[in-house]
Amino acid sequence: MTSIRMIALDLDDTLLRSDLSISYRTRNAVKRAQSAGIIVVLASGRIPAAIERFARLLGMHKRPGYFICNNGTLIQESHTGKILYDIRIPPEVALIAYDLATAEGFPVQIYEGDVMYVSRSNEFADYDQKLTGLRQVVVENFRDMVAAGCYKLIIPGDPMILAPLESLMRTYIGSDITLFTSKPYFLEVLPPQTDKGTSLEKLAEMISIDREVVLAIGDSMNDETMIRWAGVGVAMANGDERIKSIASIVTDKSNDDDGVADVIDRYLLGKT
């Protein structure tokens, strides 16, 4: 597998340990992969501002690399900040999604720049703030903000009561959006036909890399499309069982046990 030319890494529960750090061994492994000519892509549901601090730990601000942000709505160069591709939810569709969520009693979140805008305070937004380090701002005229356009909507809530909302949205606007749960308590609404796999494919085409030489690592259902698309799809030991069932490789180490470093050393750099 030494022919791999690009590696796409999910962040939370994959590259990052449970305390949101990147171990020395994993940082070193990623840097050695870069030195070997392998292009590194950080593919996350996070916005650029919430990815950059981790990218700097990996030295990605000094050499060519890429971010796939918002679960696929934006592709950005790590070393220049240049946006190569972005797509937003059509405003009329975003408004329907917002109205359905609020009618069912759910708050809604939008990310722009380094700010997380919320329709009302809630425990899940507080946790997300701790996770991402973003500022949280409650907006009174939130519907007007939605109408102005957004990359994605996040609808937080208890997983048991999010499921009926997901079914409702699929019924009314399912063909006009991409809809999935990232964390069990986050229902994400994205533009149609938008996901990590589609954006990874777009990036590979931009830089003339075949899918056969792309390796993708993830743990949850928002990683499904990139794991399916990549020539080599890897699921973490701590990953969702559904992801493990579609991956060509399942690590025997978790995100807290240097699973990413183990994959890089074993399959990309030929170390045992």
C-alpha atoms as a PDB file:
ATOM      1  CA  MET A   1       0.000   0.000   0.000  1.00  0.00           C
ATOM      2  CA  THR A   2       3.035   2.273  -0.305  1.00  0.00           C
ATOM      3  CA  SER A   3       1.524   3.737  -3.511  1.00  0.00           C
ATOM      4  CA  ILE A   4      -0.935   5.851  -1.501  1.00  0.00           C
ATOM      5  CA  ARG A   5      -0.558   9.504  -2.508  1.00  0.00           C
ATOM      6  CA  MET A   6      -3.267  11.179  -0.426  1.00  0.00           C
ATOM      7  CA  ILE A   7      -4.704  10.507   3.027  1.00  0.00           C
ATOM      8  CA  ALA A   8      -7.981  12.009   4.277  1.00  0.00           C
ATOM      9  CA  LEU A   9      -8.338  12.179   8.041  1.00  0.00           C
ATOM     10  CA  ASP A  10     -11.491  12.799  10.036  1.00  0.00           C
ATOM     11  CA  LEU A  11     -10.807  14.827  13.184  1.00  0.00           C
ATOM     12  CA  ASP A  12     -13.107  14.109  16.121  1.00  0.00           C
ATOM     13  CA  ASP A  13     -12.763  10.561  17.479  1.00  0.00           C
ATOM     14  CA  THR A  14     -10.259   9.742  14.715  1.00  0.00           C
ATOM     15  CA  LEU A  15      -7.209  12.015  14.568  1.00  0.00           C
ATOM     16  CA  LEU A  16      -8.090  13.697  17.861  1.00  0.00           C
ATOM     17  CA  ARG A  17      -7.991  11.942  21.196  1.00  0.00           C
ATOM     18  CA  SER A  18     -10.953  12.205  23.543  1.00  0.00           C
ATOM     19  CA  ASP A  19      -9.355  15.258  25.189  1.00  0.00           C
ATOM     20  CA  LEU A  20      -9.138  16.919  21.724  1.00  0.00           C
ATOM     21  CA  SER A  21      -5.354  16.636  21.574  1.00  0.00           C
ATOM     22  CA  ILE A  22      -3.131  15.040  18.931  1.00  0.00           C
ATOM     23  CA  SER A  23      -0.504  12.769  20.439  1.00  0.00           C
ATOM     24  CA  TYR A  24       3.175  13.271  19.726  1.00  0.00           C
ATOM     25  CA  ARG A  25       3.334   9.925  17.945  1.00  0.00           C
ATOM     26  CA  THR A  26       0.410  10.806  15.677  1.00  0.00           C
ATOM     27  CA  ARG A  27       1.749  14.279  14.897  1.00  0.00           C
ATOM     28  CA  ASN A  28       5.098  12.762  14.024  1.00  0.00           C
ATOM     29  CA  ALA A  29       3.524  10.064  11.830  1.00  0.00           C
ATOM     30  CA  VAL A  30       1.491  12.613   9.858  1.00  0.00           C
ATOM     31  CA  LYS A  31       4.550  14.806   9.345  1.00  0.00           C
ATOM     32  CA  ARG A  32       6.586  11.818   8.138  1.00  0.00           C
ATOM     33  CA  ALA A  33       3.819  10.977   5.686  1.00  0.00           C
ATOM     34  CA  GLN A  34       3.972  14.551   4.384  1.00  0.00           C
ATOM     35  CA  SER A  35       7.756  14.313   4.071  1.00  0.00           C
ATOM     36  CA  ALA A  36       7.264  11.145   2.040  1.00  0.00           C
ATOM     37  CA  GLY A  37       5.187  13.130  -0.453  1.00  0.00           C
ATOM     38  CA  ILE A  38       1.740  12.064   0.747  1.00  0.00           C
ATOM     39  CA  ILE A  39      -0.849  14.857   0.616  1.00  0.00           C
ATOM     40  CA  VAL A  40      -2.789  15.261   3.868  1.00  0.00           C
ATOM     41  CA  VAL A  41      -6.448  16.275   3.902  1.00  0.00           C
ATOM     42  CA  LEU A  42      -8.307  17.064   7.120  1.00  0.00           C
ATOM     43  CA  ALA A  43     -11.957  16.204   6.469  1.00  0.00           C
ATOM     44  CA  SER A  44     -14.319  17.351   9.174  1.00  0.00           C
ATOM     45  CA  GLY A  45     -17.736  18.683  10.031  1.00  0.00           C
ATOM     46  CA  ARG A  46     -15.894  21.605  11.605  1.00  0.00           C
ATOM     47  CA  ILE A  47     -15.549  25.026   9.983  1.00  0.00           C
ATOM     48  CA  PRO A  48     -12.058  26.231   8.892  1.00  0.00           C
ATOM     49  CA  ALA A  49     -11.484  28.247  12.078  1.00  0.00           C
ATOM     50  CA  ALA A  50     -12.030  25.116  14.154  1.00  0.00           C
ATOM     51  CA  ILE A  51      -9.630  23.056  12.004  1.00  0.00           C
ATOM     52  CA  GLU A  52      -6.701  25.447  11.635  1.00  0.00           C
ATOM     53  CA  ARG A  53      -5.296  25.084  15.155  1.00  0.00           C
ATOM     54  CA  PHE A  54      -4.920  21.335  14.624  1.00  0.00           C
ATOM     55  CA  ALA A  55      -3.486  21.826  11.144  1.00  0.00           C
ATOM     56  CA  ARG A  56      -0.753  24.035  12.570  1.00  0.00           C
ATOM     57  CA  LEU A  57       0.264  21.250  14.961  1.00  0.00           C
ATOM     58  CA  LEU A  58       0.778  19.084  11.881  1.00  0.00           C
ATOM     59  CA  GLY A  59       2.771  21.735  10.033  1.00  0.00           C
ATOM     60  CA  MET A  60       0.109  22.056   7.354  1.00  0.00           C
ATOM     61  CA  HIS A  61       0.444  25.839   7.286  1.00  0.00           C
ATOM     62  CA  LYS A  62       3.959  25.372   5.885  1.00  0.00           C
ATOM     63  CA  ARG A  63       3.319  22.893   3.081  1.00  0.00           C
ATOM     64  CA  PRO A  64       0.523  22.083   0.626  1.00  0.00           C
ATOM     65  CA  GLY A  65      -2.450  20.357   2.192  1.00  0.00           C
ATOM     66  CA  TYR A  66      -6.200  20.704   2.271  1.00  0.00           C
ATOM     67  CA  PHE A  67      -9.272  21.019   4.493  1.00  0.00           C
ATOM     68  CA  ILE A  68     -12.676  19.614   3.675  1.00  0.00           C
ATOM     69  CA  CYS A  69     -14.924  21.602   5.990  1.00  0.00           C
ATOM     70  CA  ASN A  70     -18.564  21.533   7.081  1.00  0.00           C
ATOM     71  CA  ASN A  71     -18.812  17.870   6.045  1.00  0.00           C
ATOM     72  CA  GLY A  72     -18.102  18.807   2.447  1.00  0.00           C
ATOM     73  CA  THR A  73     -19.504  22.271   1.752  1.00  0.00           C
ATOM     74  CA  LEU A  74     -16.066  23.903   1.501  1.00  0.00           C
ATOM     75  CA  ILE A  75     -12.581  22.900   0.298  1.00  0.00           C
ATOM     76  CA  GLN A  76      -9.644  25.084   1.345  1.00  0.00           C
ATOM     77  CA  GLU A  77      -5.879  25.001   0.940  1.00  0.00           C
ATOM     78  CA  SER A  78      -4.187  24.604   4.315  1.00  0.00           C
ATOM     79  CA  HIS A  79      -1.079  26.596   3.462  1.00  0.00           C
ATOM     80  CA  THR A  80      -2.692  29.590   1.710  1.00  0.00           C
ATOM     81  CA  GLY A  81      -6.257  29.739   3.042  1.00  0.00           C
ATOM     82  CA  LYS A  82      -7.499  29.852  -0.553  1.00  0.00           C
ATOM     83  CA  ILE A  83     -11.017  28.470  -0.981  1.00  0.00           C
ATOM     84  CA  LEU A  84     -11.112  26.069  -3.903  1.00  0.00           C
ATOM     85  CA  TYR A  85     -14.793  25.150  -3.711  1.00  0.00           C
ATOM     86  CA  ASP A  86     -17.834  26.051  -1.676  1.00  0.00           C
ATOM     87  CA  ILE A  87     -21.586  25.536  -1.816  1.00  0.00           C
ATOM     88  CA  ARG A  88     -24.454  26.817   0.324  1.00  0.00           C
ATOM     89  CA  ILE A  89     -27.968  25.608   0.995  1.00  0.00           C
ATOM     90  CA  PRO A  90     -30.462  27.418  -1.268  1.00  0.00           C
ATOM     91  CA  PRO A  91     -32.084  30.051   1.013  1.00  0.00           C
ATOM     92  CA  GLU A  92     -35.630  28.919   0.280  1.00  0.00           C
ATOM     93  CA  VAL A  93     -34.732  25.342   1.280  1.00  0.00           C
ATOM     94  CA  ALA A  94     -32.832  26.460   4.386  1.00  0.00           C
ATOM     95  CA  LEU A  95     -35.887  28.436   5.509  1.00  0.00           C
ATOM     96  CA  ILE A  96     -38.158  25.413   5.187  1.00  0.00           C
ATOM     97  CA  ALA A  97     -35.701  23.323   7.223  1.00  0.00           C
ATOM     98  CA  TYR A  98     -35.497  26.064   9.850  1.00  0.00           C
ATOM     99  CA  ASP A  99     -39.278  26.433  10.038  1.00  0.00           C
ATOM    100  CA  LEU A 100     -39.788  22.673  10.390  1.00  0.00           C
ATOM    101  CA  ALA A 101     -37.207  22.498  13.196  1.00  0.00           C
ATOM    102  CA  THR A 102     -38.582  25.462  15.129  1.00  0.00           C
ATOM    103  CA  ALA A 103     -42.168  24.280  14.712  1.00  0.00           C
ATOM    104  CA  GLU A 104     -41.126  21.038  16.398  1.00  0.00           C
ATOM    105  CA  GLY A 105     -39.450  22.962  19.224  1.00  0.00           C
ATOM    106  CA  PHE A 106     -35.772  22.565  18.240  1.00  0.00           C
ATOM    107  CA  PRO A 107     -33.040  25.228  18.322  1.00  0.00           C
ATOM    108  CA  VAL A 108     -30.876  25.728  15.231  1.00  0.00           C
ATOM    109  CA  GLN A 109     -27.172  26.592  14.770  1.00  0.00           C
ATOM    110  CA  ILE A 110     -25.189  28.205  11.954  1.00  0.00           C
ATOM    111  CA  TYR A 111     -21.403  28.590  11.712  1.00  0.00           C
ATOM    112  CA  GLU A 112     -19.721  31.573  10.055  1.00  0.00           C
ATOM    113  CA  GLY A 113     -16.115  32.669  10.516  1.00  0.00           C
ATOM    114  CA  ASP A 114     -15.145  31.827  14.084  1.00  0.00           C
ATOM    115  CA  VAL A 115     -18.666  32.230  15.485  1.00  0.00           C
ATOM    116  CA  MET A 116     -21.420  29.723  16.235  1.00  0.00           C
ATOM    117  CA  TYR A 117     -24.765  31.473  15.913  1.00  0.00           C
ATOM    118  CA  VAL A 118     -27.702  29.880  17.737  1.00  0.00           C
ATOM    119  CA  SER A 119     -31.427  30.567  17.692  1.00  0.00           C
ATOM    120  CA  ARG A 120     -31.543  30.026  21.452  1.00  0.00           C
ATOM    121  CA  SER A 121     -29.224  28.814  24.199  1.00  0.00           C
ATOM    122  CA  ASN A 122     -29.137  25.062  24.779  1.00  0.00           C
ATOM    123  CA  GLU A 123     -26.918  22.448  26.395  1.00  0.00           C
ATOM    124  CA  PHE A 124     -25.805  20.963  23.088  1.00  0.00           C
ATOM    125  CA  ALA A 125     -24.586  24.331  21.796  1.00  0.00           C
ATOM    126  CA  ASP A 126     -22.659  24.785  25.046  1.00  0.00           C
ATOM    127  CA  TYR A 127     -20.976  21.424  24.522  1.00  0.00           C
ATOM    128  CA  ASP A 128     -20.242  22.272  20.891  1.00  0.00           C
ATOM    129  CA  GLN A 129     -18.614  25.509  22.023  1.00  0.00           C
ATOM    130  CA  LYS A 130     -16.283  23.558  24.301  1.00  0.00           C
ATOM    131  CA  LEU A 131     -15.564  21.088  21.499  1.00  0.00           C
ATOM    132  CA  THR A 132     -14.754  23.646  18.805  1.00  0.00           C
ATOM    133  CA  GLY A 133     -13.546  26.660  20.778  1.00  0.00           C
ATOM    134  CA  LEU A 134     -15.863  28.931  18.785  1.00  0.00           C
ATOM    135  CA  ARG A 135     -17.692  31.909  20.231  1.00  0.00           C
ATOM    136  CA  GLN A 136     -21.410  31.393  20.756  1.00  0.00           C
ATOM    137  CA  VAL A 137     -23.843  34.188  19.873  1.00  0.00           C
ATOM    138  CA  VAL A 138     -27.611  34.026  20.356  1.00  0.00           C
ATOM    139  CA  VAL A 139     -29.415  35.780  17.475  1.00  0.00           C
ATOM    140  CA  GLU A 140     -32.951  37.080  17.896  1.00  0.00           C
ATOM    141  CA  ASN A 141     -33.733  37.462  14.185  1.00  0.00           C
ATOM    142  CA  PHE A 142     -32.265  34.067  13.361  1.00  0.00           C
ATOM    143  CA  ARG A 143     -34.664  33.441  10.482  1.00  0.00           C
ATOM    144  CA  ASP A 144     -33.274  36.496   8.662  1.00  0.00           C
ATOM    145  CA  MET A 145     -29.780  35.064   9.055  1.00  0.00           C
ATOM    146  CA  VAL A 146     -30.922  31.762   7.545  1.00  0.00           C
ATOM    147  CA  ALA A 147     -32.496  33.640   4.628  1.00  0.00           C
ATOM    148  CA  ALA A 148     -29.147  35.308   3.908  1.00  0.00           C
ATOM    149  CA  GLY A 149     -27.583  31.899   3.140  1.00  0.00           C
ATOM    150  CA  CYS A 150     -25.541  29.332   5.042  1.00  0.00           C
ATOM    151  CA  TYR A 151     -23.257  26.380   4.455  1.00  0.00           C
ATOM    152  CA  LYS A 152     -25.221  24.110   6.763  1.00  0.00           C
ATOM    153  CA  LEU A 153     -27.765  24.048   9.550  1.00  0.00           C
ATOM    154  CA  ILE A 154     -27.224  22.104  12.749  1.00  0.00           C
ATOM    155  CA  ILE A 155     -30.273  21.007  14.716  1.00  0.00           C
ATOM    156  CA  PRO A 156     -29.234  19.796  18.177  1.00  0.00           C
ATOM    157  CA  GLY A 157     -31.351  17.633  20.423  1.00  0.00           C
ATOM    158  CA  ASP A 158     -31.841  14.356  22.211  1.00  0.00           C
ATOM    159  CA  PRO A 159     -31.242  11.532  19.686  1.00  0.00           C
ATOM    160  CA  MET A 160     -34.574   9.902  20.513  1.00  0.00           C
ATOM    161  CA  ILE A 161     -36.564  12.982  19.520  1.00  0.00           C
ATOM    162  CA  LEU A 162     -34.343  13.992  16.603  1.00  0.00           C
ATOM    163  CA  ALA A 163     -35.318  10.832  14.696  1.00  0.00           C
ATOM    164  CA  PRO A 164     -38.945  11.911  14.054  1.00  0.00           C
ATOM    165  CA  LEU A 165     -37.711  15.342  12.879  1.00  0.00           C
ATOM    166  CA  GLU A 166     -35.318  13.650  10.457  1.00  0.00           C
ATOM    167  CA  SER A 167     -38.205  11.619   9.013  1.00  0.00           C
ATOM    168  CA  LEU A 168     -40.311  14.763   8.696  1.00  0.00           C
ATOM    169  CA  MET A 169     -37.563  16.598   6.827  1.00  0.00           C
ATOM    170  CA  ARG A 170     -36.965  13.673   4.495  1.00  0.00           C
ATOM    171  CA  THR A 171     -40.665  13.701   3.641  1.00  0.00           C
ATOM    172  CA  TYR A 172     -40.869  17.426   2.879  1.00  0.00           C
ATOM    173  CA  ILE A 173     -37.440  18.409   1.528  1.00  0.00           C
ATOM    174  CA  GLY A 174     -35.423  15.197   1.348  1.00  0.00           C
ATOM    175  CA  SER A 175     -34.611  15.593  -2.345  1.00  0.00           C
ATOM    176  CA  ASP A 176     -33.382  19.169  -1.838  1.00  0.00           C
ATOM    177  CA  ILE A 177     -30.902  18.558   0.997  1.00  0.00           C
ATOM    178  CA  THR A 178     -28.302  16.180   2.386  1.00  0.00           C
ATOM    179  CA  LEU A 179     -29.415  15.061   5.835  1.00  0.00           C
ATOM    180  CA  PHE A 180     -27.610  12.953   8.439  1.00  0.00           C
ATOM    181  CA  THR A 181     -26.596  12.791  12.089  1.00  0.00           C
ATOM    182  CA  SER A 182     -22.933  13.535  12.739  1.00  0.00           C
ATOM    183  CA  LYS A 183     -22.897  13.291  16.494  1.00  0.00           C
ATOM    184  CA  PRO A 184     -25.959  11.369  17.749  1.00  0.00           C
ATOM    185  CA  TYR A 185     -27.348  14.667  19.059  1.00  0.00           C
ATOM    186  CA  PHE A 186     -26.649  16.732  15.901  1.00  0.00           C
ATOM    187  CA  LEU A 187     -28.901  16.550  12.847  1.00  0.00           C
ATOM    188  CA  GLU A 188     -27.075  18.229   9.973  1.00  0.00           C
ATOM    189  CA  VAL A 189     -28.721  19.842   6.963  1.00  0.00           C
ATOM    190  CA  LEU A 190     -26.403  20.407   3.989  1.00  0.00           C
ATOM    191  CA  PRO A 191     -26.875  21.297   0.311  1.00  0.00           C
ATOM    192  CA  PRO A 192     -28.051  18.411  -1.894  1.00  0.00           C
ATOM    193  CA  GLN A 193     -25.432  15.849  -2.935  1.00  0.00           C
ATOM    194  CA  THR A 194     -22.909  17.281  -0.502  1.00  0.00           C
ATOM    195  CA  ASP A 195     -20.743  15.150   1.773  1.00  0.00           C
ATOM    196  CA  LYS A 196     -17.122  14.368   2.565  1.00  0.00           C
ATOM    197  CA  GLY A 197     -16.856  11.743  -0.158  1.00  0.00           C
ATOM    198  CA  THR A 198     -18.144  14.006  -2.932  1.00  0.00           C
ATOM    199  CA  SER A 199     -15.763  16.791  -1.912  1.00  0.00           C
ATOM    200  CA  LEU A 200     -12.836  14.389  -1.596  1.00  0.00           C
ATOM    201  CA  GLU A 201     -13.583  13.254  -5.140  1.00  0.00           C
ATOM    202  CA  LYS A 202     -13.721  16.885  -6.331  1.00  0.00           C
ATOM    203  CA  LEU A 203     -10.386  17.624  -4.655  1.00  0.00           C
ATOM    204  CA  ALA A 204      -8.757  14.545  -6.137  1.00  0.00           C
ATOM    205  CA  GLU A 205      -9.897  15.624  -9.595  1.00  0.00           C
ATOM    206  CA  MET A 206      -8.524  19.141  -9.037  1.00  0.00           C
ATOM    207  CA  ILE A 207      -5.052  17.858  -8.213  1.00  0.00           C
ATOM    208  CA  SER A 208      -5.114  14.865 -10.596  1.00  0.00           C
ATOM    209  CA  ILE A 209      -5.036  12.030  -8.069  1.00  0.00           C
ATOM    210  CA  ASP A 210      -6.799   8.723  -8.741  1.00  0.00           C
ATOM    211  CA  ARG A 211      -9.115   7.302  -6.097  1.00  0.00           C
ATOM    212  CA  GLU A 212      -7.068   4.078  -6.004  1.00  0.00           C
ATOM    213  CA  VAL A 213      -4.209   5.959  -4.322  1.00  0.00           C
ATOM    214  CA  VAL A 214      -6.395   7.731  -1.741  1.00  0.00           C
ATOM    215  CA  LEU A 215      -6.778   6.407   1.819  1.00  0.00           C
ATOM    216  CA  ALA A 216      -9.532   7.758   4.086  1.00  0.00           C
ATOM    217  CA  ILE A 217      -9.898   7.192   7.837  1.00  0.00           C
ATOM    218  CA  GLY A 218     -12.992   7.872   9.918  1.00  0.00           C
ATOM    219  CA  ASP A 219     -15.253   6.651  12.689  1.00  0.00           C
ATOM    220  CA  SER A 220     -18.833   7.809  12.135  1.00  0.00           C
ATOM    221  CA  MET A 221     -21.608   8.010   9.576  1.00  0.00           C
ATOM    222  CA  ASN A 222     -20.548  11.395   8.212  1.00  0.00           C
ATOM    223  CA  ASP A 223     -17.354   9.608   7.125  1.00  0.00           C
ATOM    224  CA  GLU A 224     -19.243   6.917   5.212  1.00  0.00           C
ATOM    225  CA  THR A 225     -19.068   8.481   1.764  1.00  0.00           C
ATOM    226  CA  MET A 226     -15.341   9.201   1.838  1.00  0.00           C
ATOM    227  CA  ILE A 227     -14.569   5.729   3.175  1.00  0.00           C
ATOM    228  CA  ARG A 228     -16.671   4.228   0.385  1.00  0.00           C
ATOM    229  CA  TRP A 229     -15.110   6.450  -2.296  1.00  0.00           C
ATOM    230  CA  ALA A 230     -11.435   6.140  -1.341  1.00  0.00           C
ATOM    231  CA  GLY A 231      -9.365   3.345  -2.786  1.00  0.00           C
ATOM    232  CA  VAL A 232      -8.649   2.287   0.796  1.00  0.00           C
ATOM    233  CA  GLY A 233     -11.283   3.007   3.436  1.00  0.00           C
ATOM    234  CA  VAL A 234     -10.277   2.649   7.082  1.00  0.00           C
ATOM    235  CA  ALA A 235     -12.537   2.556  10.148  1.00  0.00           C
ATOM    236  CA  MET A 236     -11.262   3.248  13.635  1.00  0.00           C
ATOM    237  CA  ALA A 237     -11.487   0.581  16.336  1.00  0.00           C
ATOM    238  CA  ASN A 238     -13.772   2.971  18.235  1.00  0.00           C
ATOM    239  CA  GLY A 239     -15.897   3.576  15.138  1.00  0.00           C
ATOM    240  CA  ASP A 240     -19.570   3.011  14.458  1.00  0.00           C
ATOM    241  CA  GLU A 241     -20.234  -0.639  13.620  1.00  0.00           C
ATOM    242  CA  ARG A 242     -21.899   0.439  10.355  1.00  0.00           C
ATOM    243  CA  ILE A 243     -18.670   2.167   9.307  1.00  0.00           C
ATOM    244  CA  LYS A 244     -16.611  -0.880  10.220  1.00  0.00           C
ATOM    245  CA  SER A 245     -18.816  -3.026   7.994  1.00  0.00           C
ATOM    246  CA  ILE A 246     -18.025  -0.979   4.868  1.00  0.00           C
ATOM    247  CA  ALA A 247     -14.317  -0.298   5.489  1.00  0.00           C
ATOM    248  CA  SER A 248     -11.607  -2.353   3.820  1.00  0.00           C
ATOM    249  CA  ILE A 249      -9.481  -2.039   6.975  1.00  0.00           C
ATOM    250  CA  VAL A 250     -10.538  -1.752  10.611  1.00  0.00           C
ATOM    251  CA  THR A 251      -7.825  -0.617  12.995  1.00  0.00           C
ATOM    252  CA  ASP A 252      -7.187  -2.536  16.191  1.00  0.00           C
ATOM    253  CA  LYS A 253      -6.396   0.745  17.960  1.00  0.00           C
ATOM    254  CA  SER A 254      -8.703   3.588  18.947  1.00  0.00           C
ATOM    255  CA  ASN A 255      -8.301   7.343  18.630  1.00  0.00           C
ATOM    256  CA  ASP A 256      -6.961   7.342  22.194  1.00  0.00           C
ATOM    257  CA  ASP A 257      -4.377   4.700  21.301  1.00  0.00           C
ATOM    258  CA  ASP A 258      -2.742   6.292  18.230  1.00  0.00           C
ATOM    259  CA  GLY A 259      -4.920   4.466  15.693  1.00  0.00           C
ATOM    260  CA  VAL A 260      -4.114   6.950  12.915  1.00  0.00           C
ATOM    261  CA  ALA A 261      -0.376   6.729  13.554  1.00  0.00           C
ATOM    262  CA  ASP A 262      -0.614   2.952  13.491  1.00  0.00           C
ATOM    263  CA  VAL A 263      -2.305   3.023  10.060  1.00  0.00           C
ATOM    264  CA  ILE A 264       0.258   5.460   8.658  1.00  0.00           C
ATOM    265  CA  ASP A 265       3.223   3.481   9.971  1.00  0.00           C
ATOM    266  CA  ARG A 266       1.858   0.079   8.987  1.00  0.00           C
ATOM    267  CA  TYR A 267       0.241   0.731   5.623  1.00  0.00           C
ATOM    268  CA  LEU A 268       1.795   3.935   4.241  1.00  0.00           C
ATOM    269  CA  LEU A 269       5.351   3.978   5.537  1.00  0.00           C
ATOM    270  CA  GLY A 270       5.904   0.223   5.764  1.00  0.00           C
ATOM    271  CA  LYS A 271       6.835   0.218   9.440  1.00  0.00           C
ATOM    272  CA  THR A 272       5.759  -2.542  11.810  1.00  0.00           C
END
